[in-house]
Every structure is written in structure tokens, then in C-alpha cells.
Protein backbone atom coordinates (compact mmCIF):
# COMPACT_ATOMS: atom_id res chain seq x y z
CA MET A 1 -68.27 68.82 16.97
CA ASP A 2 -66.19 72.33 16.20
CA ILE A 3 -64.66 69.90 13.45
CA PHE A 4 -68.01 70.03 11.48
CA ALA A 5 -68.08 73.70 11.95
CA PHE A 6 -64.55 74.50 10.38
CA LEU A 7 -64.55 72.16 7.47
CA THR A 8 -68.23 73.77 6.71
CA ILE A 9 -67.05 77.40 6.83
CA THR A 10 -63.95 76.80 4.82
CA TYR A 11 -66.09 74.09 2.21
CA GLN A 12 -68.24 76.94 1.80
CA SER A 13 -65.35 79.55 1.28
CA TYR A 14 -63.89 77.59 -1.55
CA SER A 15 -67.66 77.10 -3.12
CA MET A 16 -68.83 79.81 -6.02
CA ASP A 17 -71.92 77.64 -5.87
CA LEU A 18 -75.38 79.04 -4.88
CA VAL A 19 -77.24 75.76 -3.57
CA THR A 20 -73.44 75.38 -1.56
CA LEU A 21 -74.00 79.01 0.21
CA TYR A 22 -77.12 77.72 1.23
CA LEU A 23 -76.77 74.35 2.45
CA THR A 24 -73.79 75.40 4.00
CA ARG A 25 -75.34 78.25 5.81
CA PHE A 26 -78.17 75.95 6.44
CA GLY A 27 -75.99 74.11 8.30
CA ILE A 28 -73.74 76.59 10.56
CA GLY A 29 -77.21 77.68 11.51
CA ILE A 30 -77.88 74.06 13.14
CA TYR A 31 -74.92 73.82 14.45
CA LEU A 32 -75.05 77.30 16.10
CA GLY A 33 -78.50 76.46 17.49
CA ILE A 34 -77.65 73.12 18.85
CA SER A 35 -74.12 74.95 20.54
CA GLY A 36 -75.60 77.91 21.65
CA THR A 37 -77.91 75.70 23.58
CA VAL A 38 -76.05 72.70 24.71
CA ILE A 39 -72.92 74.74 26.07
CA PRO A 40 -74.74 77.24 28.38
CA ALA A 41 -76.78 74.40 29.59
CA TYR A 42 -73.48 72.73 30.66
CA LEU A 43 -71.78 75.30 32.19
CA VAL A 44 -74.62 75.62 34.10
CA SER A 45 -74.78 72.55 35.75
CA ILE A 46 -71.24 71.78 36.11
CA SER A 47 -70.59 75.63 37.61
CA PRO A 48 -70.54 75.87 41.85
CA PRO A 49 -74.15 76.73 43.49
CA GLU A 50 -73.08 80.25 43.89
CA LEU A 51 -71.87 80.54 40.37
CA THR A 52 -74.56 79.33 38.35
CA GLY A 53 -76.81 82.51 38.22
CA ILE A 54 -74.22 84.26 36.29
CA ILE A 55 -72.84 82.15 34.39
CA GLY A 56 -76.22 81.65 33.16
CA THR A 57 -76.77 85.40 33.12
CA PHE A 58 -73.58 85.79 31.23
CA ASN A 59 -73.87 83.97 27.87
CA GLN A 60 -77.13 86.08 27.18
CA LEU A 61 -75.82 88.94 27.83
CA LEU A 62 -72.81 88.53 26.02
CA ILE A 63 -75.31 87.57 23.21
CA THR A 64 -77.13 90.67 23.74
CA ILE A 65 -73.94 92.92 23.47
CA GLY A 66 -72.61 91.19 20.34
CA VAL A 67 -75.84 92.04 18.58
CA SER A 68 -75.81 95.59 19.41
CA VAL A 69 -72.26 95.88 18.56
CA GLY A 70 -73.13 94.58 14.76
CA TYR A 71 -76.41 96.39 15.02
CA ARG A 72 -74.22 99.52 15.44
CA LEU A 73 -71.68 98.93 13.19
CA GLY A 74 -73.99 98.42 9.94
CA TYR A 75 -75.72 101.31 11.22
CA LEU A 76 -72.63 103.44 11.12
CA TYR A 77 -71.31 101.78 8.11
CA GLN A 78 -74.48 102.27 5.84
CA HIS A 79 -74.42 105.80 7.01
CA THR A 80 -71.39 106.31 6.37
CA ALA A 81 -70.98 104.92 2.94
């Protein structure tokens, strides 16, 4: 599945067509939606019972931190440029 993401991003970076941009963004969105759902569920199912809660929570915590950092960097860039 990661080869799909690699090929899609590579194709997107070499193409200058707007339709290709939309199609590759849509494909990456589908890929991220599937991997963002399946991988955490798999990790929780194979983890030891005493670590199940922290592994399930850690994924959402890192997503929240990433969104917060991205928002903050965008805010700083917007107000310094």
C-alpha cells in the first residue's frame, strides 16, 4: 500500500496538469483515510492488554499535536510575511 502513496506523490510532483493534481490528491486522501483507520486498529489488536489503551490513545494524540503544530506554523508564517 505504501508503494501506491509513493507512486502517486511521485506522479503528482512531475505533472503540471490541474486534473492530475485533483486526482492524485483524491487518491492520497483515500489512502490516508484507509491507513489512518486500519493501522491503529491493527496495532491495538496485536498489543498486549495492558498497553491497548495507551496505543489507541497515542495515535489520536499525535494527530492532534500534528494539527496544532501545523496550524501554529501557518499562523506564524501568515503573520510574519
